[in-house]
Every structure is written in C-alpha cells, then in structure tokens.
Amino acid sequence: MAYLNADIPPIYCKVRKEYLYDFKKHQGESEECVVFGLTSMAGAATLFHIMLPNGAVFFRLPISAFFEKSYDRSEVPDMPVEQLQLWNSFSNNPSVHSFGNLI
C-alpha cells in the first residue's frame, strides 16, 4: 500500500511559475509541465508532483498551481485551493485507479 505518494497517469498542463519560486519572482508567467504523481496527507489538500521540460522535478504543489496548457496565463483567473478542492484528504494512503477504456 502506498504511503503519502501515488503514481498517476501523466497530465500535460502548465504551471504558474510563481509557485516554483516561493511567490518571489515570475508573477504572471507560466511553463509547461507534466504532472506524474500526488501526495495525500490526512487533513491537508492533495498535492502534486511535476517535471518541467528541462528535467527539473518539483514536489507537493497544490492544484491551484496548474491550468490547461492550451490557455495563456493571462486568460486564467487565480483561484484559491479551497474553491478547487472542496475537502481535505482523508488518509495518508492514497489509491489511484486508471480506467483503461478512458485512456
């Protein structure tokens, strides 16, 4: 059984660059990425692991850091985590299922 981390099918999207720099630089910029895993901690929001095109890996970013890669950063409003994920994780043991017919 997984503890804290789980693999997920890859999701190709964009990440808000300020999340990669502790909100100190690159406000309003974005970069393409692939989301490949998640972290589940009881009582906290689900967090995601990503890889950038240059190979850099970042762990535990909230869902508010991402948006659809076909959009420009200026077209996507900033939304808080509590509007994007309505409840916290229930357990430290995540389970992910990928339906083969939907891939």
PDB file of N, CA and C in Angstrom:
ATOM      1  N   MET A   1       0.847  -1.184   0.000  1.00  0.00           N
ATOM      2  CA  MET A   1       0.000   0.000   0.000  1.00  0.00           C
ATOM      3  C   MET A   1       0.890   1.246   0.000  1.00  0.00           C
ATOM      4  N   ALA A   2       0.521   2.223  -0.784  1.00  0.00           N
ATOM      5  CA  ALA A   2       1.275   3.470  -0.858  1.00  0.00           C
ATOM      6  C   ALA A   2       1.136   4.249   0.450  1.00  0.00           C
ATOM      7  N   TYR A   3       2.186   4.933   0.812  1.00  0.00           N
ATOM      8  CA  TYR A   3       2.130   5.818   1.973  1.00  0.00           C
ATOM      9  C   TYR A   3       2.524   7.203   1.514  1.00  0.00           C
ATOM     10  N   LEU A   4       1.627   8.123   1.552  1.00  0.00           N
ATOM     11  CA  LEU A   4       1.758   9.523   1.144  1.00  0.00           C
ATOM     12  C   LEU A   4       1.755   9.741  -0.363  1.00  0.00           C
ATOM     13  N   ASN A   5       2.528   8.987  -1.144  1.00  0.00           N
ATOM     14  CA  ASN A   5       2.674   9.249  -2.572  1.00  0.00           C
ATOM     15  C   ASN A   5       2.029   8.175  -3.434  1.00  0.00           C
ATOM     16  N   ALA A   6       1.552   8.587  -4.613  1.00  0.00           N
ATOM     17  CA  ALA A   6       0.977   7.647  -5.579  1.00  0.00           C
ATOM     18  C   ALA A   6       1.282   8.131  -6.991  1.00  0.00           C
ATOM     19  N   ASP A   7       1.505   7.169  -7.888  1.00  0.00           N
ATOM     20  CA  ASP A   7       1.650   7.483  -9.315  1.00  0.00           C
ATOM     21  C   ASP A   7       0.277   7.787  -9.890  1.00  0.00           C
ATOM     22  N   ILE A   8       0.238   8.705 -10.846  1.00  0.00           N
ATOM     23  CA  ILE A   8      -0.991   8.965 -11.592  1.00  0.00           C
ATOM     24  C   ILE A   8      -0.644   8.981 -13.073  1.00  0.00           C
ATOM     25  N   PRO A   9      -1.616   8.735 -13.945  1.00  0.00           N
ATOM     26  CA  PRO A   9      -1.338   8.874 -15.382  1.00  0.00           C
ATOM     27  C   PRO A   9      -0.863  10.300 -15.666  1.00  0.00           C
ATOM     28  N   PRO A  10       0.080  10.479 -16.582  1.00  0.00           N
ATOM     29  CA  PRO A  10       0.627  11.820 -16.826  1.00  0.00           C
ATOM     30  C   PRO A  10      -0.437  12.801 -17.312  1.00  0.00           C
ATOM     31  N   ILE A  11      -0.347  14.009 -16.792  1.00  0.00           N
ATOM     32  CA  ILE A  11      -1.230  15.104 -17.186  1.00  0.00           C
ATOM     33  C   ILE A  11      -0.341  16.220 -17.717  1.00  0.00           C
ATOM     34  N   TYR A  12      -0.495  16.562 -18.976  1.00  0.00           N
ATOM     35  CA  TYR A  12       0.297  17.619 -19.590  1.00  0.00           C
ATOM     36  C   TYR A  12      -0.462  18.925 -19.455  1.00  0.00           C
ATOM     37  N   CYS A  13       0.147  19.891 -18.775  1.00  0.00           N
ATOM     38  CA  CYS A  13      -0.527  21.160 -18.488  1.00  0.00           C
ATOM     39  C   CYS A  13       0.518  22.254 -18.333  1.00  0.00           C
ATOM     40  N   LYS A  14       0.124  23.366 -17.751  1.00  0.00           N
ATOM     41  CA  LYS A  14       1.050  24.451 -17.438  1.00  0.00           C
ATOM     42  C   LYS A  14       1.010  24.703 -15.938  1.00  0.00           C
ATOM     43  N   VAL A  15       2.144  25.153 -15.416  1.00  0.00           N
ATOM     44  CA  VAL A  15       2.248  25.503 -14.001  1.00  0.00           C
ATOM     45  C   VAL A  15       2.482  27.010 -13.902  1.00  0.00           C
ATOM     46  N   ARG A  16       1.877  27.626 -12.921  1.00  0.00           N
ATOM     47  CA  ARG A  16       2.105  29.051 -12.648  1.00  0.00           C
ATOM     48  C   ARG A  16       3.504  29.176 -12.053  1.00  0.00           C
ATOM     49  N   LYS A  17       4.375  29.881 -12.726  1.00  0.00           N
ATOM     50  CA  LYS A  17       5.792  29.908 -12.358  1.00  0.00           C
ATOM     51  C   LYS A  17       6.057  30.464 -10.966  1.00  0.00           C
ATOM     52  N   GLU A  18       5.210  31.326 -10.471  1.00  0.00           N
ATOM     53  CA  GLU A  18       5.450  31.883  -9.134  1.00  0.00           C
ATOM     54  C   GLU A  18       5.444  30.808  -8.049  1.00  0.00           C
ATOM     55  N   TYR A  19       4.738  29.686  -8.289  1.00  0.00           N
ATOM     56  CA  TYR A  19       4.734  28.577  -7.332  1.00  0.00           C
ATOM     57  C   TYR A  19       6.098  27.899  -7.246  1.00  0.00           C
ATOM     58  N   LEU A  20       6.908  28.025  -8.275  1.00  0.00           N
ATOM     59  CA  LEU A  20       8.229  27.411  -8.294  1.00  0.00           C
ATOM     60  C   LEU A  20       9.284  28.286  -7.635  1.00  0.00           C
ATOM     61  N   TYR A  21       8.954  29.531  -7.351  1.00  0.00           N
ATOM     62  CA  TYR A  21       9.908  30.498  -6.801  1.00  0.00           C
ATOM     63  C   TYR A  21       9.386  31.147  -5.524  1.00  0.00           C
ATOM     64  N   ASP A  22       8.604  30.416  -4.730  1.00  0.00           N
ATOM     65  CA  ASP A  22       8.073  30.904  -3.449  1.00  0.00           C
ATOM     66  C   ASP A  22       7.349  32.245  -3.584  1.00  0.00           C
ATOM     67  N   PHE A  23       6.733  32.492  -4.708  1.00  0.00           N
ATOM     68  CA  PHE A  23       5.960  33.704  -4.983  1.00  0.00           C
ATOM     69  C   PHE A  23       6.815  34.971  -4.941  1.00  0.00           C
ATOM     70  N   LYS A  24       8.135  34.820  -5.082  1.00  0.00           N
ATOM     71  CA  LYS A  24       9.037  35.974  -5.030  1.00  0.00           C
ATOM     72  C   LYS A  24       9.400  36.484  -6.422  1.00  0.00           C
ATOM     73  N   LYS A  25       9.256  35.644  -7.447  1.00  0.00           N
ATOM     74  CA  LYS A  25       9.603  36.028  -8.822  1.00  0.00           C
ATOM     75  C   LYS A  25       8.615  35.411  -9.794  1.00  0.00           C
ATOM     76  N   HIS A  26       8.671  35.888 -11.014  1.00  0.00           N
ATOM     77  CA  HIS A  26       7.930  35.313 -12.153  1.00  0.00           C
ATOM     78  C   HIS A  26       6.406  35.367 -11.989  1.00  0.00           C
ATOM     79  N   GLN A  27       5.899  36.414 -11.379  1.00  0.00           N
ATOM     80  CA  GLN A  27       4.455  36.594 -11.246  1.00  0.00           C
ATOM     81  C   GLN A  27       3.836  36.712 -12.635  1.00  0.00           C
ATOM     82  N   GLY A  28       2.750  36.014 -12.861  1.00  0.00           N
ATOM     83  CA  GLY A  28       2.046  36.090 -14.131  1.00  0.00           C
ATOM     84  C   GLY A  28       2.662  35.280 -15.257  1.00  0.00           C
ATOM     85  N   GLU A  29       3.717  34.524 -14.990  1.00  0.00           N
ATOM     86  CA  GLU A  29       4.354  33.694 -16.012  1.00  0.00           C
ATOM     87  C   GLU A  29       3.956  32.234 -15.805  1.00  0.00           C
ATOM     88  N   SER A  30       4.158  31.439 -16.844  1.00  0.00           N
ATOM     89  CA  SER A  30       3.844  30.008 -16.744  1.00  0.00           C
ATOM     90  C   SER A  30       4.854  29.204 -17.535  1.00  0.00           C
ATOM     91  N   GLU A  31       4.851  27.895 -17.295  1.00  0.00           N
ATOM     92  CA  GLU A  31       5.724  26.982 -18.017  1.00  0.00           C
ATOM     93  C   GLU A  31       5.002  25.647 -18.164  1.00  0.00           C
ATOM     94  N   GLU A  32       5.220  24.984 -19.293  1.00  0.00           N
ATOM     95  CA  GLU A  32       4.612  23.673 -19.490  1.00  0.00           C
ATOM     96  C   GLU A  32       5.237  22.671 -18.538  1.00  0.00           C
ATOM     97  N   CYS A  33       4.446  21.666 -18.159  1.00  0.00           N
ATOM     98  CA  CYS A  33       4.934  20.628 -17.255  1.00  0.00           C
ATOM     99  C   CYS A  33       4.119  19.358 -17.455  1.00  0.00           C
ATOM    100  N   VAL A  34       4.583  18.298 -16.815  1.00  0.00           N
ATOM    101  CA  VAL A  34       3.812  17.066 -16.770  1.00  0.00           C
ATOM    102  C   VAL A  34       3.636  16.701 -15.295  1.00  0.00           C
ATOM    103  N   VAL A  35       2.389  16.498 -14.903  1.00  0.00           N
ATOM    104  CA  VAL A  35       2.070  16.070 -13.544  1.00  0.00           C
ATOM    105  C   VAL A  35       2.112  14.544 -13.551  1.00  0.00           C
ATOM    106  N   PHE A  36       2.889  13.942 -12.639  1.00  0.00           N
ATOM    107  CA  PHE A  36       3.074  12.490 -12.673  1.00  0.00           C
ATOM    108  C   PHE A  36       2.757  11.773 -11.365  1.00  0.00           C
ATOM    109  N   GLY A  37       2.499  12.505 -10.301  1.00  0.00           N
ATOM    110  CA  GLY A  37       2.214  11.858  -9.024  1.00  0.00           C
ATOM    111  C   GLY A  37       1.502  12.792  -8.084  1.00  0.00           C
ATOM    112  N   LEU A  38       1.074  12.237  -6.946  1.00  0.00           N
ATOM    113  CA  LEU A  38       0.384  13.051  -5.945  1.00  0.00           C
ATOM    114  C   LEU A  38       0.796  12.632  -4.545  1.00  0.00           C
ATOM    115  N   THR A  39       0.544  13.526  -3.614  1.00  0.00           N
ATOM    116  CA  THR A  39       0.747  13.274  -2.188  1.00  0.00           C
ATOM    117  C   THR A  39      -0.572  13.463  -1.476  1.00  0.00           C
ATOM    118  N   SER A  40      -0.893  12.531  -0.598  1.00  0.00           N
ATOM    119  CA  SER A  40      -2.100  12.619   0.215  1.00  0.00           C
ATOM    120  C   SER A  40      -1.690  12.605   1.684  1.00  0.00           C
ATOM    121  N   MET A  41      -1.980  13.698   2.385  1.00  0.00           N
ATOM    122  CA  MET A  41      -1.724  13.782   3.822  1.00  0.00           C
ATOM    123  C   MET A  41      -3.049  14.091   4.506  1.00  0.00           C
ATOM    124  N   ALA A  42      -3.414  13.279   5.474  1.00  0.00           N
ATOM    125  CA  ALA A  42      -4.700  13.445   6.155  1.00  0.00           C
ATOM    126  C   ALA A  42      -4.851  14.871   6.671  1.00  0.00           C
ATOM    127  N   GLY A  43      -5.992  15.484   6.360  1.00  0.00           N
ATOM    128  CA  GLY A  43      -6.293  16.833   6.830  1.00  0.00           C
ATOM    129  C   GLY A  43      -5.695  17.940   5.997  1.00  0.00           C
ATOM    130  N   ALA A  44      -5.042  17.613   4.881  1.00  0.00           N
ATOM    131  CA  ALA A  44      -4.430  18.631   4.029  1.00  0.00           C
ATOM    132  C   ALA A  44      -4.916  18.448   2.588  1.00  0.00           C
ATOM    133  N   ALA A  45      -4.744  19.486   1.791  1.00  0.00           N
ATOM    134  CA  ALA A  45      -5.121  19.408   0.380  1.00  0.00           C
ATOM    135  C   ALA A  45      -4.213  18.415  -0.344  1.00  0.00           C
ATOM    136  N   THR A  46      -4.735  17.796  -1.392  1.00  0.00           N
ATOM    137  CA  THR A  46      -3.933  16.911  -2.232  1.00  0.00           C
ATOM    138  C   THR A  46      -2.879  17.749  -2.943  1.00  0.00           C
ATOM    139  N   LEU A  47      -1.656  17.256  -2.992  1.00  0.00           N
ATOM    140  CA  LEU A  47      -0.550  17.965  -3.618  1.00  0.00           C
ATOM    141  C   LEU A  47      -0.001  17.116  -4.757  1.00  0.00           C
ATOM    142  N   PHE A  48       0.603  17.766  -5.760  1.00  0.00           N
ATOM    143  CA  PHE A  48       1.004  17.084  -6.984  1.00  0.00           C
ATOM    144  C   PHE A  48       2.495  17.248  -7.263  1.00  0.00           C
ATOM    145  N   HIS A  49       3.074  16.244  -7.952  1.00  0.00           N
ATOM    146  CA  HIS A  49       4.484  16.235  -8.336  1.00  0.00           C
ATOM    147  C   HIS A  49       4.574  16.486  -9.841  1.00  0.00           C
ATOM    148  N   ILE A  50       5.533  17.328 -10.245  1.00  0.00           N
ATOM    149  CA  ILE A  50       5.644  17.683 -11.665  1.00  0.00           C
ATOM    150  C   ILE A  50       7.087  17.576 -12.157  1.00  0.00           C
ATOM    151  N   MET A  51       7.209  17.493 -13.480  1.00  0.00           N
ATOM    152  CA  MET A  51       8.506  17.600 -14.133  1.00  0.00           C
ATOM    153  C   MET A  51       8.396  18.655 -15.223  1.00  0.00           C
ATOM    154  N   LEU A  52       9.399  19.535 -15.290  1.00  0.00           N
ATOM    155  CA  LEU A  52       9.464  20.576 -16.312  1.00  0.00           C
ATOM    156  C   LEU A  52      10.215  20.055 -17.537  1.00  0.00           C
ATOM    157  N   PRO A  53      10.110  20.739 -18.672  1.00  0.00           N
ATOM    158  CA  PRO A  53      10.807  20.296 -19.895  1.00  0.00           C
ATOM    159  C   PRO A  53      12.322  20.171 -19.724  1.00  0.00           C
ATOM    160  N   ASN A  54      12.925  20.936 -18.809  1.00  0.00           N
ATOM    161  CA  ASN A  54      14.379  20.864 -18.599  1.00  0.00           C
ATOM    162  C   ASN A  54      14.778  19.733 -17.645  1.00  0.00           C
ATOM    163  N   GLY A  55      13.798  18.945 -17.172  1.00  0.00           N
ATOM    164  CA  GLY A  55      14.077  17.818 -16.293  1.00  0.00           C
ATOM    165  C   GLY A  55      13.950  18.120 -14.811  1.00  0.00           C
ATOM    166  N   ALA A  56      13.747  19.374 -14.448  1.00  0.00           N
ATOM    167  CA  ALA A  56      13.594  19.733 -13.038  1.00  0.00           C
ATOM    168  C   ALA A  56      12.300  19.134 -12.493  1.00  0.00           C
ATOM    169  N   VAL A  57      12.365  18.600 -11.284  1.00  0.00           N
ATOM    170  CA  VAL A  57      11.209  17.977 -10.640  1.00  0.00           C
ATOM    171  C   VAL A  57      10.844  18.787  -9.405  1.00  0.00           C
ATOM    172  N   PHE A  58       9.567  19.078  -9.252  1.00  0.00           N
ATOM    173  CA  PHE A  58       9.039  19.784  -8.080  1.00  0.00           C
ATOM    174  C   PHE A  58       7.972  18.915  -7.442  1.00  0.00           C
ATOM    175  N   PHE A  59       8.014  18.823  -6.126  1.00  0.00           N
ATOM    176  CA  PHE A  59       7.067  18.001  -5.393  1.00  0.00           C
ATOM    177  C   PHE A  59       6.107  18.870  -4.591  1.00  0.00           C
ATOM    178  N   ARG A  60       4.904  18.355  -4.399  1.00  0.00           N
ATOM    179  CA  ARG A  60       3.896  18.896  -3.486  1.00  0.00           C
ATOM    180  C   ARG A  60       3.434  20.310  -3.832  1.00  0.00           C
ATOM    181  N   LEU A  61       2.950  20.470  -5.052  1.00  0.00           N
ATOM    182  CA  LEU A  61       2.327  21.728  -5.466  1.00  0.00           C
ATOM    183  C   LEU A  61       0.815  21.557  -5.409  1.00  0.00           C
ATOM    184  N   PRO A  62       0.078  22.583  -4.957  1.00  0.00           N
ATOM    185  CA  PRO A  62      -1.381  22.472  -4.877  1.00  0.00           C
ATOM    186  C   PRO A  62      -2.024  22.563  -6.254  1.00  0.00           C
ATOM    187  N   ILE A  63      -3.263  22.146  -6.336  1.00  0.00           N
ATOM    188  CA  ILE A  63      -3.993  22.155  -7.611  1.00  0.00           C
ATOM    189  C   ILE A  63      -4.121  23.567  -8.184  1.00  0.00           C
ATOM    190  N   SER A  64      -4.074  24.580  -7.331  1.00  0.00           N
ATOM    191  CA  SER A  64      -4.187  25.964  -7.798  1.00  0.00           C
ATOM    192  C   SER A  64      -2.969  26.399  -8.615  1.00  0.00           C
ATOM    193  N   ALA A  65      -1.899  25.612  -8.630  1.00  0.00           N
ATOM    194  CA  ALA A  65      -0.699  25.948  -9.394  1.00  0.00           C
ATOM    195  C   ALA A  65      -0.822  25.617 -10.877  1.00  0.00           C
ATOM    196  N   PHE A  66      -1.865  24.875 -11.274  1.00  0.00           N
ATOM    197  CA  PHE A  66      -1.941  24.339 -12.640  1.00  0.00           C
ATOM    198  C   PHE A  66      -3.125  24.879 -13.436  1.00  0.00           C
ATOM    199  N   PHE A  67      -2.950  24.857 -14.757  1.00  0.00           N
ATOM    200  CA  PHE A  67      -4.060  25.164 -15.652  1.00  0.00           C
ATOM    201  C   PHE A  67      -3.818  24.497 -17.001  1.00  0.00           C
ATOM    202  N   GLU A  68      -4.875  24.412 -17.798  1.00  0.00           N
ATOM    203  CA  GLU A  68      -4.867  23.754 -19.112  1.00  0.00           C
ATOM    204  C   GLU A  68      -3.804  24.382 -20.015  1.00  0.00           C
ATOM    205  N   LYS A  69      -3.011  23.542 -20.686  1.00  0.00           N
ATOM    206  CA  LYS A  69      -1.883  24.062 -21.455  1.00  0.00           C
ATOM    207  C   LYS A  69      -2.274  24.822 -22.714  1.00  0.00           C
ATOM    208  N   SER A  70      -3.515  24.719 -23.155  1.00  0.00           N
ATOM    209  CA  SER A  70      -3.926  25.463 -24.350  1.00  0.00           C
ATOM    210  C   SER A  70      -4.264  26.921 -24.042  1.00  0.00           C
ATOM    211  N   TYR A  71      -4.296  27.291 -22.769  1.00  0.00           N
ATOM    212  CA  TYR A  71      -4.618  28.666 -22.378  1.00  0.00           C
ATOM    213  C   TYR A  71      -3.357  29.483 -22.138  1.00  0.00           C
ATOM    214  N   ASP A  72      -3.492  30.791 -22.308  1.00  0.00           N
ATOM    215  CA  ASP A  72      -2.448  31.724 -21.955  1.00  0.00           C
ATOM    216  C   ASP A  72      -2.631  32.102 -20.484  1.00  0.00           C
ATOM    217  N   ARG A  73      -1.552  32.362 -19.790  1.00  0.00           N
ATOM    218  CA  ARG A  73      -1.616  32.668 -18.348  1.00  0.00           C
ATOM    219  C   ARG A  73      -2.560  33.831 -18.041  1.00  0.00           C
ATOM    220  N   SER A  74      -2.601  34.822 -18.900  1.00  0.00           N
ATOM    221  CA  SER A  74      -3.453  35.994 -18.659  1.00  0.00           C
ATOM    222  C   SER A  74      -4.944  35.676 -18.768  1.00  0.00           C
ATOM    223  N   GLU A  75      -5.304  34.560 -19.392  1.00  0.00           N
ATOM    224  CA  GLU A  75      -6.710  34.176 -19.557  1.00  0.00           C
ATOM    225  C   GLU A  75      -7.265  33.390 -18.373  1.00  0.00           C
ATOM    226  N   VAL A  76      -6.392  32.969 -17.466  1.00  0.00           N
ATOM    227  CA  VAL A  76      -6.801  32.073 -16.383  1.00  0.00           C
ATOM    228  C   VAL A  76      -6.815  32.829 -15.061  1.00  0.00           C
ATOM    229  N   PRO A  77      -7.976  32.920 -14.398  1.00  0.00           N
ATOM    230  CA  PRO A  77      -8.017  33.635 -13.122  1.00  0.00           C
ATOM    231  C   PRO A  77      -7.341  32.835 -12.010  1.00  0.00           C
ATOM    232  N   ASP A  78      -6.742  33.530 -11.061  1.00  0.00           N
ATOM    233  CA  ASP A  78      -6.194  32.871  -9.874  1.00  0.00           C
ATOM    234  C   ASP A  78      -7.354  32.452  -8.989  1.00  0.00           C
ATOM    235  N   MET A  79      -7.307  31.210  -8.526  1.00  0.00           N
ATOM    236  CA  MET A  79      -8.364  30.702  -7.645  1.00  0.00           C
ATOM    237  C   MET A  79      -7.721  30.059  -6.429  1.00  0.00           C
ATOM    238  N   PRO A  80      -8.289  30.237  -5.252  1.00  0.00           N
ATOM    239  CA  PRO A  80      -7.721  29.612  -4.059  1.00  0.00           C
ATOM    240  C   PRO A  80      -7.992  28.105  -4.037  1.00  0.00           C
ATOM    241  N   VAL A  81      -7.148  27.384  -3.315  1.00  0.00           N
ATOM    242  CA  VAL A  81      -7.264  25.928  -3.224  1.00  0.00           C
ATOM    243  C   VAL A  81      -8.647  25.515  -2.743  1.00  0.00           C
ATOM    244  N   GLU A  82      -9.203  26.224  -1.783  1.00  0.00           N
ATOM    245  CA  GLU A  82     -10.499  25.824  -1.211  1.00  0.00           C
ATOM    246  C   GLU A  82     -11.656  25.909  -2.212  1.00  0.00           C
ATOM    247  N   GLN A  83     -11.488  26.617  -3.311  1.00  0.00           N
ATOM    248  CA  GLN A  83     -12.506  26.629  -4.356  1.00  0.00           C
ATOM    249  C   GLN A  83     -12.280  25.509  -5.376  1.00  0.00           C
ATOM    250  N   LEU A  84     -11.076  24.978  -5.430  1.00  0.00           N
ATOM    251  CA  LEU A  84     -10.743  23.943  -6.401  1.00  0.00           C
ATOM    252  C   LEU A  84     -10.809  22.538  -5.823  1.00  0.00           C
ATOM    253  N   GLN A  85     -10.589  22.412  -4.525  1.00  0.00           N
ATOM    254  CA  GLN A  85     -10.696  21.127  -3.841  1.00  0.00           C
ATOM    255  C   GLN A  85     -11.580  21.348  -2.622  1.00  0.00           C
ATOM    256  N   LEU A  86     -12.748  20.740  -2.633  1.00  0.00           N
ATOM    257  CA  LEU A  86     -13.765  21.060  -1.630  1.00  0.00           C
ATOM    258  C   LEU A  86     -13.540  20.423  -0.271  1.00  0.00           C
ATOM    259  N   TRP A  87     -12.672  19.390  -0.182  1.00  0.00           N
ATOM    260  CA  TRP A  87     -12.384  18.786   1.117  1.00  0.00           C
ATOM    261  C   TRP A  87     -10.936  18.325   1.138  1.00  0.00           C
ATOM    262  N   ASN A  88     -10.405  18.202   2.342  1.00  0.00           N
ATOM    263  CA  ASN A  88      -9.026  17.742   2.507  1.00  0.00           C
ATOM    264  C   ASN A  88      -8.941  16.235   2.330  1.00  0.00           C
ATOM    265  N   SER A  89      -7.727  15.742   2.204  1.00  0.00           N
ATOM    266  CA  SER A  89      -7.503  14.294   2.101  1.00  0.00           C
ATOM    267  C   SER A  89      -7.921  13.623   3.402  1.00  0.00           C
ATOM    268  N   PHE A  90      -8.423  12.409   3.297  1.00  0.00           N
ATOM    269  CA  PHE A  90      -8.888  11.671   4.458  1.00  0.00           C
ATOM    270  C   PHE A  90      -7.821  10.751   5.035  1.00  0.00           C
ATOM    271  N   SER A  91      -6.749  10.487   4.276  1.00  0.00           N
ATOM    272  CA  SER A  91      -5.801   9.460   4.686  1.00  0.00           C
ATOM    273  C   SER A  91      -4.412   9.751   4.133  1.00  0.00           C
ATOM    274  N   ASN A  92      -3.403   9.115   4.728  1.00  0.00           N
ATOM    275  CA  ASN A  92      -2.042   9.170   4.203  1.00  0.00           C
ATOM    276  C   ASN A  92      -1.782   8.057   3.196  1.00  0.00           C
ATOM    277  N   ASN A  93      -2.800   7.269   2.896  1.00  0.00           N
ATOM    278  CA  ASN A  93      -2.666   6.126   1.996  1.00  0.00           C
ATOM    279  C   ASN A  93      -3.511   6.328   0.737  1.00  0.00           C
ATOM    280  N   PRO A  94      -2.967   7.049  -0.255  1.00  0.00           N
ATOM    281  CA  PRO A  94      -3.759   7.311  -1.462  1.00  0.00           C
ATOM    282  C   PRO A  94      -3.912   6.062  -2.325  1.00  0.00           C
ATOM    283  N   SER A  95      -5.003   6.035  -3.051  1.00  0.00           N
ATOM    284  CA  SER A  95      -5.258   4.966  -4.009  1.00  0.00           C
ATOM    285  C   SER A  95      -5.706   5.612  -5.311  1.00  0.00           C
ATOM    286  N   VAL A  96      -5.081   5.237  -6.404  1.00  0.00           N
ATOM    287  CA  VAL A  96      -5.400   5.809  -7.712  1.00  0.00           C
ATOM    288  C   VAL A  96      -5.768   4.664  -8.645  1.00  0.00           C
ATOM    289  N   HIS A  97      -6.843   4.836  -9.376  1.00  0.00           N
ATOM    290  CA  HIS A  97      -7.247   3.836 -10.370  1.00  0.00           C
ATOM    291  C   HIS A  97      -7.388   4.524 -11.719  1.00  0.00           C
ATOM    292  N   SER A  98      -6.827   3.919 -12.728  1.00  0.00           N
ATOM    293  CA  SER A  98      -6.928   4.441 -14.084  1.00  0.00           C
ATOM    294  C   SER A  98      -7.798   3.496 -14.901  1.00  0.00           C
ATOM    295  N   PHE A  99      -8.904   3.984 -15.424  1.00  0.00           N
ATOM    296  CA  PHE A  99      -9.801   3.164 -16.231  1.00  0.00           C
ATOM    297  C   PHE A  99      -9.221   3.037 -17.634  1.00  0.00           C
ATOM    298  N   GLY A 100      -8.868   1.814 -18.029  1.00  0.00           N
ATOM    299  CA  GLY A 100      -8.221   1.560 -19.306  1.00  0.00           C
ATOM    300  C   GLY A 100      -9.030   2.030 -20.504  1.00  0.00           C
ATOM    301  N   ASN A 101     -10.338   1.985 -20.417  1.00  0.00           N
ATOM    302  CA  ASN A 101     -11.196   2.396 -21.525  1.00  0.00           C
ATOM    303  C   ASN A 101     -11.165   3.899 -21.755  1.00  0.00           C
ATOM    304  N   LEU A 102     -10.741   4.670 -20.769  1.00  0.00           N
ATOM    305  CA  LEU A 102     -10.750   6.126 -20.880  1.00  0.00           C
ATOM    306  C   LEU A 102      -9.389   6.707 -21.280  1.00  0.00           C
ATOM    307  N   ILE A 103      -8.410   5.855 -21.458  1.00  0.00           N
ATOM    308  CA  ILE A 103      -7.062   6.346 -21.798  1.00  0.00           C
ATOM    309  C   ILE A 103      -6.920   6.469 -23.299  1.00  0.00           C
TER     310      ILE A 103
END
